[in-house]
């Protein structure tokens, strides 16, 4: 076992609140890639969108110098500045951007700006529109910028002035699914992240965020699911998910892949059509009274459970997943048709 020392960067204050409204559009599991950088001599550009928190290894060096967890260009000795291009895996509207310079102290960029484009192919210079004007950055810190009322975009270009390192780029937003392209009889996963599904409330996410359950594919590891802490009091754990659009759920799949000694014993699912946004204070009580879509049902360790029929509750916008009493679920698929 390695004895190499490391330090993990602190989370963005208020990140939980952001993740109750948005998803990280820069997450690689959505297909996002850093396609180009003018220079990434010291640290590869792809590290900038790693889903893990940045880490710092005091004693780690490689052939180019100090190993850093992020994108880092060399010291610029010519006119101009460095930039990187990011292709979002899913077209989306951006609500906030975090330019995280964790562990970059004497080597962070003093300033940055962000441009966006919405083209199917590689953008031309005329396609780029500035969405974050040039602004000062603080080293070893989260640099959060909030945006309002933006149009959907597919590409981002991060400019750093003149050079340096960015640990992580988080792009909080909503996926801009064009539901007009989906027929009213077409069965889709109404809660999938790529279809605009998201988690909006939960009572516990100690080991993993509820939105992980809506990610594409089967979970590669236990951490890529929703897992709560061991419950030491009466009751059970729960989360509320918002569908990508109003729809009628016909069948579902719940997967406890990787969860063996820590899977929930049972689950139930409630659903409702909600007009507007629920307040944080009201969501638990309101959702607990929604009609049952699936009554309390047994689960098994590390296994897929398919539910072929559900209670007829009509078109819904939100579901509440209750797990009894606690534990982990890796994926939840809610199949159905969009409301006409």
Protein backbone atom coordinates (compact mmCIF):
# COMPACT_ATOMS: atom_id res chain seq x y z
CA UNK A 1 0.00 0.00 0.00
CA UNK A 2 1.31 3.44 -0.96
CA UNK A 3 2.36 5.73 1.90
CA UNK A 4 2.43 8.84 -0.30
CA UNK A 5 0.98 11.81 1.56
CA UNK A 6 -1.78 13.90 0.00
CA UNK A 7 -4.29 16.62 0.86
CA UNK A 8 -7.82 16.96 -0.59
CA UNK A 9 -9.20 20.39 -1.45
CA UNK A 10 -12.29 21.68 0.40
CA UNK A 11 -15.64 21.64 -1.38
CA UNK A 12 -17.27 24.76 -2.74
CA UNK A 13 -19.42 26.32 0.01
CA UNK A 14 -23.04 26.04 -1.08
CA UNK A 15 -22.31 23.29 -3.63
CA UNK A 16 -25.23 21.21 -2.31
CA UNK A 17 -27.62 24.08 -3.02
CA UNK A 18 -26.26 24.43 -6.56
CA UNK A 19 -26.69 20.70 -7.13
CA UNK A 20 -30.34 20.92 -6.08
CA UNK A 21 -30.94 23.19 -9.08
CA UNK A 22 -28.27 22.16 -11.56
CA UNK A 23 -26.02 19.38 -12.81
CA UNK A 24 -22.33 19.74 -13.63
CA UNK A 25 -22.42 20.05 -17.41
CA UNK A 26 -18.63 19.57 -17.46
CA UNK A 27 -18.82 16.07 -15.95
CA UNK A 28 -17.07 13.48 -18.17
CA UNK A 29 -19.88 10.95 -17.74
CA UNK A 30 -22.07 13.27 -19.83
CA UNK A 31 -19.51 13.00 -22.63
CA UNK A 32 -17.75 16.30 -21.92
CA UNK A 33 -14.16 16.58 -23.14
CA UNK A 34 -11.39 19.15 -23.04
CA UNK A 35 -10.57 19.08 -26.74
CA UNK A 36 -7.73 21.61 -26.94
CA UNK A 37 -5.33 23.68 -24.91
CA UNK A 38 -2.68 26.09 -26.13
CA UNK A 39 -0.30 24.54 -23.59
CA UNK A 40 -0.57 21.87 -20.92
CA UNK A 41 3.11 21.23 -20.30
CA UNK A 42 2.90 20.86 -16.53
CA UNK A 43 -0.53 19.26 -16.08
CA UNK A 44 -2.83 17.65 -18.64
CA UNK A 45 -5.90 19.64 -19.69
CA UNK A 46 -8.21 16.65 -19.10
CA UNK A 47 -7.65 16.79 -15.33
CA UNK A 48 -9.57 20.07 -15.22
CA UNK A 49 -12.93 18.28 -15.53
CA UNK A 50 -12.16 15.29 -13.29
CA UNK A 51 -15.22 14.66 -11.09
CA UNK A 52 -13.06 14.02 -8.01
CA UNK A 53 -12.04 16.84 -5.72
CA UNK A 54 -8.52 18.16 -6.44
CA UNK A 55 -5.70 16.63 -4.42
CA UNK A 56 -2.18 17.78 -3.63
CA UNK A 57 0.81 15.46 -3.24
CA UNK A 58 3.62 17.44 -1.56
CA UNK A 59 6.35 15.03 -2.69
CA UNK A 60 5.14 14.06 -6.19
CA UNK A 61 7.14 15.19 -9.21
CA UNK A 62 7.26 14.00 -12.81
CA UNK A 63 9.51 14.63 -15.80
CA UNK A 64 8.06 18.13 -16.26
CA UNK A 65 8.32 19.25 -12.65
CA UNK A 66 5.85 19.41 -9.76
CA UNK A 67 2.79 17.17 -10.37
CA UNK A 68 -0.42 19.18 -10.06
CA UNK A 69 -4.03 18.00 -10.17
CA UNK A 70 -5.53 20.22 -12.85
CA UNK A 71 -4.59 21.99 -16.08
CA UNK A 72 -1.31 23.91 -15.90
CA UNK A 73 0.57 25.66 -18.69
CA UNK A 74 4.22 26.63 -18.60
CA UNK A 75 5.44 30.14 -17.82
CA UNK A 76 4.65 32.21 -20.91
CA UNK A 77 7.67 33.85 -22.58
CA UNK A 78 5.87 35.15 -25.69
CA UNK A 79 3.01 37.64 -26.22
CA UNK A 80 -0.57 36.45 -25.66
CA UNK A 81 -2.23 34.14 -23.18
CA UNK A 82 -3.34 30.50 -22.83
CA UNK A 83 -6.79 29.03 -23.31
CA UNK A 84 -8.58 25.68 -23.33
CA UNK A 85 -11.63 24.51 -25.28
CA UNK A 86 -14.30 22.30 -23.69
CA UNK A 87 -16.98 20.45 -25.65
CA UNK A 88 -19.98 19.78 -23.40
CA UNK A 89 -21.36 16.29 -23.74
CA UNK A 90 -24.89 17.64 -23.43
CA UNK A 91 -26.10 20.99 -24.70
CA UNK A 92 -27.22 23.10 -21.74
CA UNK A 93 -27.99 26.44 -20.12
CA UNK A 94 -25.39 27.61 -17.62
CA UNK A 95 -26.34 29.00 -14.21
CA UNK A 96 -22.89 29.23 -12.58
CA UNK A 97 -19.24 28.52 -13.28
CA UNK A 98 -16.61 27.68 -10.67
CA UNK A 99 -13.00 28.26 -11.71
CA UNK A 100 -11.27 26.37 -8.92
CA UNK A 101 -7.57 27.13 -8.37
CA UNK A 102 -7.12 24.67 -5.47
CA UNK A 103 -3.42 24.26 -4.54
CA UNK A 104 -2.29 26.71 -7.21
CA UNK A 105 -0.68 29.45 -5.11
CA UNK A 106 2.31 31.03 -6.88
CA UNK A 107 1.24 29.59 -10.21
CA UNK A 108 -2.47 30.46 -10.61
CA UNK A 109 -3.67 32.77 -13.42
CA UNK A 110 -4.31 36.30 -12.11
CA UNK A 111 -7.30 36.66 -14.45
CA UNK A 112 -9.68 34.60 -16.56
CA UNK A 113 -12.65 34.92 -18.91
CA UNK A 114 -15.07 32.46 -20.49
CA UNK A 115 -16.65 32.33 -23.94
CA UNK A 116 -19.40 30.01 -25.20
CA UNK A 117 -20.63 28.78 -28.57
CA UNK A 118 -23.55 26.69 -29.76
CA UNK A 119 -22.51 24.84 -32.90
CA UNK A 120 -22.75 21.18 -33.87
CA UNK A 121 -19.15 21.15 -35.10
CA UNK A 122 -15.98 22.99 -34.09
CA UNK A 123 -16.84 26.69 -33.62
CA UNK A 124 -15.36 29.35 -35.86
CA UNK A 125 -13.95 32.49 -34.29
CA UNK A 126 -17.18 34.34 -35.11
CA UNK A 127 -19.26 31.80 -33.13
CA UNK A 128 -17.76 32.62 -29.73
CA UNK A 129 -19.69 34.91 -27.35
CA UNK A 130 -18.27 36.10 -24.04
CA UNK A 131 -20.34 34.94 -21.05
CA UNK A 132 -17.84 35.73 -18.25
CA UNK A 133 -15.91 38.98 -18.80
CA UNK A 134 -12.25 39.09 -17.88
CA UNK A 135 -12.06 39.05 -14.09
CA UNK A 136 -9.56 38.61 -11.30
CA UNK A 137 -8.96 35.18 -9.79
CA UNK A 138 -7.84 34.23 -6.29
CA UNK A 139 -5.28 31.48 -5.88
CA UNK A 140 -6.05 28.23 -4.04
CA UNK A 141 -9.74 29.17 -4.02
CA UNK A 142 -13.13 28.64 -5.60
CA UNK A 143 -13.90 31.49 -8.01
CA UNK A 144 -17.67 31.25 -8.53
CA UNK A 145 -19.46 33.31 -11.16
CA UNK A 146 -23.27 33.22 -11.46
CA UNK A 147 -25.02 33.71 -14.80
CA UNK A 148 -28.63 34.49 -15.67
CA UNK A 149 -30.87 33.91 -18.66
CA UNK A 150 -28.32 32.40 -20.98
CA UNK A 151 -29.10 30.58 -24.21
CA UNK A 152 -28.17 26.89 -24.60
CA UNK A 153 -24.50 26.25 -25.46
CA UNK A 154 -22.39 23.30 -26.54
CA UNK A 155 -18.83 24.69 -26.29
CA UNK A 156 -16.82 26.69 -23.77
CA UNK A 157 -13.47 28.44 -24.12
CA UNK A 158 -11.64 29.26 -20.89
CA UNK A 159 -9.03 32.02 -21.23
CA UNK A 160 -6.35 32.44 -18.54
CA UNK A 161 -4.17 35.55 -18.42
CA UNK A 162 -1.36 35.03 -19.12
CA UNK A 163 -0.69 31.43 -17.98
CA UNK A 164 -0.82 29.14 -14.95
CA UNK A 165 -3.00 26.48 -13.41
CA UNK A 166 -6.70 25.73 -12.93
CA UNK A 167 -7.52 22.73 -10.75
CA UNK A 168 -11.16 22.24 -11.78
CA UNK A 169 -13.78 23.83 -14.00
CA UNK A 170 -17.31 23.15 -12.79
CA UNK A 171 -20.15 24.23 -15.06
CA UNK A 172 -23.47 24.22 -13.16
CA UNK A 173 -26.50 24.27 -15.42
CA UNK A 174 -29.52 22.50 -16.85
CA UNK A 175 -29.56 20.21 -19.86
CA UNK A 176 -31.44 21.71 -22.81
CA UNK A 177 -33.32 18.65 -24.04
CA UNK A 178 -35.47 19.32 -27.12
CA UNK A 179 -38.59 17.36 -26.19
CA UNK A 180 -40.29 18.33 -29.45
CA UNK A 181 -38.08 15.70 -31.11
CA UNK A 182 -39.54 12.96 -28.87
CA UNK A 183 -42.85 11.40 -29.94
CA UNK A 184 -45.70 11.08 -27.46
CA UNK A 185 -45.63 7.27 -27.78
CA UNK A 186 -41.83 6.93 -27.53
CA UNK A 187 -40.68 5.29 -24.28
CA UNK A 188 -37.66 7.02 -22.72
CA UNK A 189 -35.99 7.26 -19.32
CA UNK A 190 -37.79 10.35 -18.06
CA UNK A 191 -35.33 10.84 -15.18
CA UNK A 192 -32.03 10.34 -17.03
CA UNK A 193 -29.52 13.15 -16.59
CA UNK A 194 -29.12 13.40 -20.35
CA UNK A 195 -32.89 13.97 -20.59
CA UNK A 196 -32.79 16.75 -18.00
CA UNK A 197 -33.54 14.74 -14.85
CA UNK A 198 -31.98 15.92 -11.61
CA UNK A 199 -32.11 15.51 -7.82
CA UNK A 200 -33.77 18.43 -6.02
CA UNK A 201 -33.98 17.33 -2.37
CA UNK A 202 -32.65 14.64 -0.03
CA UNK A 203 -32.19 14.01 3.66
CA UNK A 204 -28.73 12.39 3.47
CA UNK A 205 -26.02 12.07 0.83
CA UNK A 206 -23.06 11.21 3.05
CA UNK A 207 -21.28 8.89 0.60
CA UNK A 208 -22.82 9.76 -2.77
CA UNK A 209 -25.14 12.30 -4.40
CA UNK A 210 -28.67 11.19 -5.43
CA UNK A 211 -28.18 12.55 -8.98
CA UNK A 212 -25.57 9.82 -9.49
CA UNK A 213 -28.47 7.36 -9.84
CA UNK A 214 -29.58 9.15 -13.02
CA UNK A 215 -26.19 9.00 -14.77
CA UNK A 216 -25.64 7.07 -18.03
CA UNK A 217 -24.58 3.41 -18.01
CA UNK A 218 -24.18 1.05 -15.11
CA UNK A 219 -22.23 2.46 -12.17
CA UNK A 220 -18.51 1.62 -12.51
CA UNK A 221 -17.87 1.89 -8.74
CA UNK A 222 -19.85 2.18 -5.52
CA UNK A 223 -19.07 5.89 -5.23
CA UNK A 224 -21.03 6.54 -8.44
CA UNK A 225 -24.39 5.99 -6.72
CA UNK A 226 -26.51 7.47 -3.95
CA UNK A 227 -25.48 6.20 -0.52
CA UNK A 228 -26.52 7.47 2.89
CA UNK A 229 -24.81 7.14 6.25
CA UNK A 230 -25.82 4.32 8.60
CA UNK A 231 -29.11 5.39 10.12
CA UNK A 232 -29.08 5.48 13.93
CA UNK A 233 -32.58 6.84 14.52
CA UNK A 234 -36.15 5.88 13.59
CA UNK A 235 -37.42 6.48 10.09
CA UNK A 236 -35.83 6.06 6.68
CA UNK A 237 -33.84 7.96 4.07
CA UNK A 238 -35.33 9.59 0.97
CA UNK A 239 -34.67 11.80 -2.03
CA UNK A 240 -36.83 13.74 -4.50
CA UNK A 241 -36.04 13.69 -8.21
CA UNK A 242 -37.32 16.00 -10.92
CA UNK A 243 -38.05 14.45 -14.32
CA UNK A 244 -36.73 16.02 -17.50
CA UNK A 245 -40.33 16.71 -18.53
CA UNK A 246 -43.81 15.83 -17.32
CA UNK A 247 -44.60 12.25 -18.25
CA UNK A 248 -46.36 9.02 -17.39
CA UNK A 249 -44.11 6.34 -15.87
CA UNK A 250 -44.96 2.82 -17.04
CA UNK A 251 -42.11 0.73 -15.61
CA UNK A 252 -38.78 1.15 -13.88
CA UNK A 253 -35.45 -0.38 -12.93
CA UNK A 254 -33.57 0.01 -9.65
CA UNK A 255 -30.00 -1.27 -9.37
CA UNK A 256 -27.94 -1.93 -6.22
CA UNK A 257 -24.76 -2.73 -8.19
CA UNK A 258 -21.68 -2.75 -5.88
CA UNK A 259 -23.86 -2.41 -2.77
CA UNK A 260 -23.60 -5.76 -0.96
CA UNK A 261 -23.51 -5.27 2.81
CA UNK A 262 -24.98 -1.80 2.50
CA UNK A 263 -27.94 -2.01 0.11
CA UNK A 264 -31.41 -0.87 1.30
CA UNK A 265 -33.66 -3.66 2.51
CA UNK A 266 -36.70 -2.16 0.74
CA UNK A 267 -37.78 0.80 -1.34
CA UNK A 268 -40.95 2.61 -2.38
CA UNK A 269 -41.65 5.26 -4.99
CA UNK A 270 -44.14 8.14 -4.86
CA UNK A 271 -44.93 10.60 -7.65
CA UNK A 272 -46.82 13.81 -8.34
CA UNK A 273 -47.27 16.59 -10.85
CA UNK A 274 -45.88 19.72 -9.26
CA UNK A 275 -46.59 23.21 -10.60
CA UNK A 276 -43.69 25.54 -9.86
CA UNK A 277 -40.90 24.93 -7.35
CA UNK A 278 -41.38 23.44 -3.91
CA UNK A 279 -39.79 25.30 -1.01
CA UNK A 280 -37.00 23.48 0.81
CA UNK A 281 -38.99 23.57 4.05
CA UNK A 282 -42.09 22.02 2.49
CA UNK A 283 -40.62 19.38 0.19
CA UNK A 284 -40.22 16.56 2.76
CA UNK A 285 -43.77 16.79 4.13
CA UNK A 286 -45.40 17.36 0.73
CA UNK A 287 -43.57 14.55 -1.03
CA UNK A 288 -44.31 12.07 1.77
CA UNK A 289 -48.02 12.47 0.94
CA UNK A 290 -47.73 11.92 -2.82
CA UNK A 291 -49.54 8.89 -4.31
CA UNK A 292 -47.60 5.63 -4.34
CA UNK A 293 -46.26 4.58 -7.70
CA UNK A 294 -44.58 1.48 -6.20
CA UNK A 295 -45.46 0.13 -2.77
CA UNK A 296 -42.76 -1.01 -0.36
CA UNK A 297 -40.73 -3.63 -2.25
CA UNK A 298 -37.78 -5.84 -1.26
CA UNK A 299 -34.33 -5.31 -2.75
CA UNK A 300 -31.32 -7.61 -3.01
CA UNK A 301 -27.58 -7.06 -2.82
CA UNK A 302 -25.69 -6.06 -5.97
CA UNK A 303 -28.68 -6.76 -8.21
CA UNK A 304 -31.03 -5.21 -10.74
CA UNK A 305 -34.71 -5.16 -9.78
CA UNK A 306 -37.14 -4.49 -12.63
CA UNK A 307 -40.68 -3.36 -11.87
CA UNK A 308 -42.86 -4.07 -14.91
CA UNK A 309 -46.08 -2.47 -13.67
CA UNK A 310 -46.72 0.56 -11.48
CA UNK A 311 -49.77 2.18 -9.92
CA UNK A 312 -51.66 4.43 -12.37
CA UNK A 313 -51.04 7.98 -11.14
CA UNK A 314 -51.06 9.79 -14.50
CA UNK A 315 -48.57 12.40 -15.71
CA UNK A 316 -46.02 13.46 -13.08
CA UNK A 317 -43.06 15.82 -12.84
CA UNK A 318 -41.39 14.60 -9.63
CA UNK A 319 -40.81 11.32 -7.80
CA UNK A 320 -39.81 10.54 -4.24
CA UNK A 321 -37.62 7.49 -3.64
CA UNK A 322 -37.76 6.13 -0.10
CA UNK A 323 -35.19 3.53 0.97
CA UNK A 324 -35.69 1.48 4.14
CA UNK A 325 -33.96 2.14 6.37
CA UNK A 326 -30.78 3.42 4.63
CA UNK A 327 -28.02 2.32 2.24
CA UNK A 328 -27.03 2.69 -1.37
CA UNK A 329 -28.65 2.60 -4.83
CA UNK A 330 -26.44 2.85 -7.91
CA UNK A 331 -29.01 3.53 -10.64
CA UNK A 332 -32.71 4.33 -11.04
CA UNK A 333 -34.42 4.25 -14.45
CA UNK A 334 -37.95 5.62 -14.80
CA UNK A 335 -39.31 4.60 -18.19
CA UNK A 336 -42.37 6.21 -19.71
CA UNK A 337 -43.79 8.65 -22.24
CA UNK A 338 -43.88 12.41 -22.19
CA UNK A 339 -47.17 14.12 -21.38
CA UNK A 340 -49.10 15.24 -24.45
